[in-house]
Amino acid sequence: MKITFAALIALSLLTPALSAGARSTDRNEPMNIDAGAQSGSLAGDGTTVLSQGVIITQGTLDLRAGQADLHMRGGEAVRAVFTGKPAKLKQQMDDGTWMDATADKIDYDITTEIITLTGNYKVTSARGTNAGQRMVYNTRTGEMNSGGDGSRVRTVIQPKAKAPAAAGSAK
């Protein structure tokens, strides 16, 4: 089974204020998938359902959802849909800070590398937050679209930390 969750790591790029990337070494770590139940085949075509509390970890990546639907084509995962109230994603960035994302649904189209967060999404990092009802993020182009459906989008960008004044420079 080849499931590439590396693009889920791209969720760390969802807020325009985020300057550091997700922990680059995470994709070299083993992926652990834990669920209360699994139904379906990981070969051929169809949907495999992981349910009763799904926990996926890989390095600092920690993804938790009530259910994960893995859509398979030719024995390869082509789409992963995580649902919960909410589904949660947490990962450490290369700069040591953390990124958290929550949504009622995290839908990752592996073939197009597009991530869609729907239902009360919120992405938080040291640099700020972005929240609303629906966000579409293209991991190939970096383009992000949210709102436009009558709901509001809320973004908070934290100010850059100022460097401390050098000793003796104050007069």
Foldseek 3Di string as FASTA:
>chain_A
DDDDCVLVQVVQLQAVQRDFGFDPCQVVFDKDKDAPDWDDDLAAFDKIKGACWIWIGTPQKTKIARMWIFTDHRSYGQKIKGAHVKIKIKTATPVGWIKIKIARMWIAGNVQSKIKGAHFIWIDTPFWIKTKGIWIARSVVRDIDDDPPPIDMDIDGDDDDDDDDDPPPDD
